[in-house]
PDB file of N, CA and C in Angstrom:
ATOM      1  N   MET A   1      24.628 -10.460  34.652  1.00  0.00           N
ATOM      2  CA  MET A   1      24.832  -9.119  35.244  1.00  0.00           C
ATOM      3  C   MET A   1      23.594  -8.962  36.068  1.00  0.00           C
ATOM      4  N   PHE A   2      23.690  -8.619  37.244  1.00  0.00           N
ATOM      5  CA  PHE A   2      22.539  -8.426  38.120  1.00  0.00           C
ATOM      6  C   PHE A   2      22.243  -7.010  38.342  1.00  0.00           C
ATOM      7  N   CYS A   3      20.954  -6.730  38.490  1.00  0.00           N
ATOM      8  CA  CYS A   3      20.428  -5.320  38.838  1.00  0.00           C
ATOM      9  C   CYS A   3      20.657  -5.260  40.367  1.00  0.00           C
ATOM     10  N   ASP A   4      21.306  -3.901  40.614  1.00  0.00           N
ATOM     11  CA  ASP A   4      21.647  -3.654  42.167  1.00  0.00           C
ATOM     12  C   ASP A   4      20.370  -3.579  42.818  1.00  0.00           C
ATOM     13  N   ILE A   5      19.177  -3.042  42.221  1.00  0.00           N
ATOM     14  CA  ILE A   5      18.025  -2.927  42.910  1.00  0.00           C
ATOM     15  C   ILE A   5      17.102  -4.055  43.102  1.00  0.00           C
ATOM     16  N   CYS A   6      16.898  -4.997  42.145  1.00  0.00           N
ATOM     17  CA  CYS A   6      15.817  -6.041  42.361  1.00  0.00           C
ATOM     18  C   CYS A   6      16.690  -7.407  42.333  1.00  0.00           C
ATOM     19  N   LYS A   7      17.895  -7.399  41.914  1.00  0.00           N
ATOM     20  CA  LYS A   7      18.771  -8.587  41.921  1.00  0.00           C
ATOM     21  C   LYS A   7      18.404  -9.357  40.606  1.00  0.00           C
ATOM     22  N   LYS A   8      17.630  -9.246  39.833  1.00  0.00           N
ATOM     23  CA  LYS A   8      17.375  -9.927  38.502  1.00  0.00           C
ATOM     24  C   LYS A   8      18.640  -9.923  37.496  1.00  0.00           C
ATOM     25  N   ASN A   9      18.894 -10.979  36.785  1.00  0.00           N
ATOM     26  CA  ASN A   9      19.787 -11.011  35.860  1.00  0.00           C
ATOM     27  C   ASN A   9      19.228 -10.482  34.561  1.00  0.00           C
ATOM     28  N   GLY A  10      20.036  -9.809  33.890  1.00  0.00           N
ATOM     29  CA  GLY A  10      19.779  -9.152  32.438  1.00  0.00           C
ATOM     30  C   GLY A  10      20.893  -8.833  31.414  1.00  0.00           C
ATOM     31  N   LEU A  11      20.611  -8.690  30.399  1.00  0.00           N
ATOM     32  CA  LEU A  11      21.708  -8.371  29.380  1.00  0.00           C
ATOM     33  C   LEU A  11      22.054  -7.123  29.335  1.00  0.00           C
ATOM     34  N   VAL A  12      21.207  -6.202  29.684  1.00  0.00           N
ATOM     35  CA  VAL A  12      21.408  -4.597  29.631  1.00  0.00           C
ATOM     36  C   VAL A  12      21.208  -3.844  30.908  1.00  0.00           C
ATOM     37  N   GLN A  13      22.070  -3.115  31.248  1.00  0.00           N
ATOM     38  CA  GLN A  13      22.174  -2.292  32.559  1.00  0.00           C
ATOM     39  C   GLN A  13      22.180  -1.041  32.467  1.00  0.00           C
ATOM     40  N   TYR A  14      21.776  -0.064  33.265  1.00  0.00           N
ATOM     41  CA  TYR A  14      21.934   1.306  33.040  1.00  0.00           C
ATOM     42  C   TYR A  14      22.679   1.716  34.415  1.00  0.00           C
ATOM     43  N   ARG A  15      23.702   2.541  34.190  1.00  0.00           N
ATOM     44  CA  ARG A  15      24.466   3.036  35.279  1.00  0.00           C
ATOM     45  C   ARG A  15      23.831   4.368  35.812  1.00  0.00           C
ATOM     46  N   VAL A  16      23.432   4.301  37.156  1.00  0.00           N
ATOM     47  CA  VAL A  16      22.643   5.628  37.550  1.00  0.00           C
ATOM     48  C   VAL A  16      23.164   5.986  39.019  1.00  0.00           C
ATOM     49  N   VAL A  17      22.729   7.224  39.189  1.00  0.00           N
ATOM     50  CA  VAL A  17      23.195   7.861  40.637  1.00  0.00           C
ATOM     51  C   VAL A  17      21.730   8.960  40.889  1.00  0.00           C
ATOM     52  N   SER A  18      21.738   9.197  42.108  1.00  0.00           N
ATOM     53  CA  SER A  18      20.945   9.993  42.416  1.00  0.00           C
ATOM     54  C   SER A  18      21.207  10.759  43.944  1.00  0.00           C
ATOM     55  N   ALA A  19      20.510  11.867  44.083  1.00  0.00           N
ATOM     56  CA  ALA A  19      20.682  12.366  45.509  1.00  0.00           C
ATOM     57  C   ALA A  19      20.797  11.539  46.595  1.00  0.00           C
ATOM     58  N   LYS A  20      19.862  10.581  46.469  1.00  0.00           N
ATOM     59  CA  LYS A  20      19.604   9.545  47.669  1.00  0.00           C
ATOM     60  C   LYS A  20      20.485   8.543  47.555  1.00  0.00           C
ATOM     61  N   GLN A  21      21.248   8.096  46.413  1.00  0.00           N
ATOM     62  CA  GLN A  21      21.957   7.147  46.257  1.00  0.00           C
ATOM     63  C   GLN A  21      23.349   7.692  45.602  1.00  0.00           C
ATOM     64  N   LYS A  22      24.236   7.914  46.566  1.00  0.00           N
ATOM     65  CA  LYS A  22      25.564   8.571  46.337  1.00  0.00           C
ATOM     66  C   LYS A  22      26.518   7.910  45.513  1.00  0.00           C
ATOM     67  N   ASP A  23      26.495   6.607  45.569  1.00  0.00           N
ATOM     68  CA  ASP A  23      27.354   5.722  44.575  1.00  0.00           C
ATOM     69  C   ASP A  23      26.748   5.309  43.510  1.00  0.00           C
ATOM     70  N   TRP A  24      27.524   5.022  42.334  1.00  0.00           N
ATOM     71  CA  TRP A  24      26.865   4.772  41.010  1.00  0.00           C
ATOM     72  C   TRP A  24      26.410   3.179  41.393  1.00  0.00           C
ATOM     73  N   ILE A  25      25.265   2.879  40.557  1.00  0.00           N
ATOM     74  CA  ILE A  25      24.596   1.602  40.729  1.00  0.00           C
ATOM     75  C   ILE A  25      24.254   1.195  39.225  1.00  0.00           C
ATOM     76  N   PHE A  26      24.050  -0.200  39.029  1.00  0.00           N
ATOM     77  CA  PHE A  26      23.535  -0.681  37.723  1.00  0.00           C
ATOM     78  C   PHE A  26      22.061  -1.127  37.910  1.00  0.00           C
ATOM     79  N   THR A  27      21.123  -0.699  37.208  1.00  0.00           N
ATOM     80  CA  THR A  27      19.751  -1.399  37.318  1.00  0.00           C
ATOM     81  C   THR A  27      19.346  -1.828  35.930  1.00  0.00           C
ATOM     82  N   CYS A  28      18.199  -2.437  36.044  1.00  0.00           N
ATOM     83  CA  CYS A  28      17.704  -3.110  34.758  1.00  0.00           C
ATOM     84  C   CYS A  28      16.762  -2.257  34.236  1.00  0.00           C
ATOM     85  N   LYS A  29      16.073  -2.445  33.151  1.00  0.00           N
ATOM     86  CA  LYS A  29      15.265  -1.523  32.600  1.00  0.00           C
ATOM     87  C   LYS A  29      14.232  -1.127  33.387  1.00  0.00           C
ATOM     88  N   ASP A  30      13.451  -2.053  34.045  1.00  0.00           N
ATOM     89  CA  ASP A  30      12.340  -1.876  34.851  1.00  0.00           C
ATOM     90  C   ASP A  30      12.641  -0.958  36.102  1.00  0.00           C
ATOM     91  N   CYS A  31      13.629  -1.206  36.748  1.00  0.00           N
ATOM     92  CA  CYS A  31      14.090  -0.332  37.925  1.00  0.00           C
ATOM     93  C   CYS A  31      14.610   0.918  37.491  1.00  0.00           C
ATOM     94  N   TRP A  32      15.239   0.783  36.228  1.00  0.00           N
ATOM     95  CA  TRP A  32      15.900   2.270  35.831  1.00  0.00           C
ATOM     96  C   TRP A  32      14.711   3.205  35.604  1.00  0.00           C
ATOM     97  N   GLN A  33      13.390   2.876  35.010  1.00  0.00           N
ATOM     98  CA  GLN A  33      12.264   3.639  34.628  1.00  0.00           C
ATOM     99  C   GLN A  33      11.836   4.383  35.841  1.00  0.00           C
ATOM    100  N   GLU A  34      11.929   3.610  36.933  1.00  0.00           N
ATOM    101  CA  GLU A  34      11.485   4.133  38.198  1.00  0.00           C
ATOM    102  C   GLU A  34      12.555   4.866  38.934  1.00  0.00           C
ATOM    103  N   PHE A  35      13.664   4.446  38.697  1.00  0.00           N
ATOM    104  CA  PHE A  35      14.707   5.412  39.333  1.00  0.00           C
ATOM    105  C   PHE A  35      14.926   6.800  38.569  1.00  0.00           C
ATOM    106  N   THR A  36      14.523   6.885  37.415  1.00  0.00           N
ATOM    107  CA  THR A  36      14.550   8.253  36.716  1.00  0.00           C
ATOM    108  C   THR A  36      13.972   9.472  37.537  1.00  0.00           C
ATOM    109  N   LYS A  37      12.859   8.776  38.209  1.00  0.00           N
ATOM    110  CA  LYS A  37      11.968   9.854  39.056  1.00  0.00           C
ATOM    111  C   LYS A  37      12.744  10.486  40.353  1.00  0.00           C
ATOM    112  N   ASN A  38      13.764   9.790  40.598  1.00  0.00           N
ATOM    113  CA  ASN A  38      14.545  10.509  41.787  1.00  0.00           C
ATOM    114  C   ASN A  38      15.134  11.801  41.586  1.00  0.00           C
ATOM    115  N   GLU A  39      15.000  12.683  42.707  1.00  0.00           N
ATOM    116  CA  GLU A  39      15.756  13.832  42.675  1.00  0.00           C
ATOM    117  C   GLU A  39      17.115  13.626  42.460  1.00  0.00           C
ATOM    118  N   GLY A  40      17.816  14.528  41.523  1.00  0.00           N
ATOM    119  CA  GLY A  40      19.185  14.520  41.446  1.00  0.00           C
ATOM    120  C   GLY A  40      19.679  13.274  40.357  1.00  0.00           C
ATOM    121  N   TYR A  41      18.673  12.729  39.756  1.00  0.00           N
ATOM    122  CA  TYR A  41      18.956  11.390  38.851  1.00  0.00           C
ATOM    123  C   TYR A  41      20.009  12.015  37.838  1.00  0.00           C
ATOM    124  N   ARG A  42      21.115  11.051  37.692  1.00  0.00           N
ATOM    125  CA  ARG A  42      21.871  11.207  36.381  1.00  0.00           C
ATOM    126  C   ARG A  42      22.146   9.822  35.948  1.00  0.00           C
ATOM    127  N   TYR A  43      22.267   9.793  34.507  1.00  0.00           N
ATOM    128  CA  TYR A  43      22.748   8.716  33.915  1.00  0.00           C
ATOM    129  C   TYR A  43      24.081   8.419  33.383  1.00  0.00           C
ATOM    130  N   GLY A  44      24.696   7.286  33.648  1.00  0.00           N
ATOM    131  CA  GLY A  44      25.998   7.219  33.475  1.00  0.00           C
ATOM    132  C   GLY A  44      26.635   6.203  32.295  1.00  0.00           C
ATOM    133  N   GLY A  45      25.501   5.749  31.532  1.00  0.00           N
ATOM    134  CA  GLY A  45      25.842   4.800  30.530  1.00  0.00           C
ATOM    135  C   GLY A  45      25.193   3.637  30.671  1.00  0.00           C
ATOM    136  N   THR A  46      25.564   2.850  29.636  1.00  0.00           N
ATOM    137  CA  THR A  46      24.847   1.471  29.572  1.00  0.00           C
ATOM    138  C   THR A  46      25.890   0.525  29.316  1.00  0.00           C
ATOM    139  N   ARG A  47      25.565  -0.667  30.179  1.00  0.00           N
ATOM    140  CA  ARG A  47      26.231  -1.738  30.151  1.00  0.00           C
ATOM    141  C   ARG A  47      25.713  -2.988  29.506  1.00  0.00           C
ATOM    142  N   LYS A  48      26.326  -3.588  28.551  1.00  0.00           N
ATOM    143  CA  LYS A  48      25.708  -4.759  27.779  1.00  0.00           C
ATOM    144  C   LYS A  48      26.506  -5.829  27.581  1.00  0.00           C
ATOM    145  N   ALA A  49      25.826  -7.097  28.137  1.00  0.00           N
ATOM    146  CA  ALA A  49      26.483  -8.525  27.969  1.00  0.00           C
ATOM    147  C   ALA A  49      26.815  -8.568  26.606  1.00  0.00           C
ATOM    148  N   ASN A  50      28.006  -9.309  26.442  1.00  0.00           N
ATOM    149  CA  ASN A  50      28.424  -9.660  25.214  1.00  0.00           C
ATOM    150  C   ASN A  50      28.498  -8.504  23.974  1.00  0.00           C
ATOM    151  N   ARG A  51      28.805  -7.501  24.468  1.00  0.00           N
ATOM    152  CA  ARG A  51      28.694  -6.083  23.597  1.00  0.00           C
ATOM    153  C   ARG A  51      29.571  -6.366  22.279  1.00  0.00           C
ATOM    154  N   ARG A  52      30.806  -7.048  22.517  1.00  0.00           N
ATOM    155  CA  ARG A  52      31.450  -7.209  21.312  1.00  0.00           C
ATOM    156  C   ARG A  52      31.679  -8.801  21.062  1.00  0.00           C
ATOM    157  N   SER A  53      31.427  -8.975  19.719  1.00  0.00           N
ATOM    158  CA  SER A  53      31.668 -10.508  19.368  1.00  0.00           C
ATOM    159  C   SER A  53      33.145 -11.101  19.548  1.00  0.00           C
ATOM    160  N   LYS A  54      33.201 -12.010  20.010  1.00  0.00           N
ATOM    161  CA  LYS A  54      34.683 -12.767  20.048  1.00  0.00           C
ATOM    162  C   LYS A  54      35.324 -13.216  18.928  1.00  0.00           C
ATOM    163  N   LYS A  55      36.588 -12.725  18.556  1.00  0.00           N
ATOM    164  CA  LYS A  55      37.087 -13.353  17.251  1.00  0.00           C
ATOM    165  C   LYS A  55      37.782 -14.737  17.385  1.00  0.00           C
TER     166      LYS A  55
END
């Protein structure tokens, strides 16, 4: 899973949107911490790789 801002691969991403960013995007933890400062910031959930173990 890749961050929509920095394009780095990661296991955990945050679904976010702001007044500047009209469409929902996924960010890594580093980009998410900066993104929270944007006007109109909203959090939409967390996406995790291998969230459930396969049976």
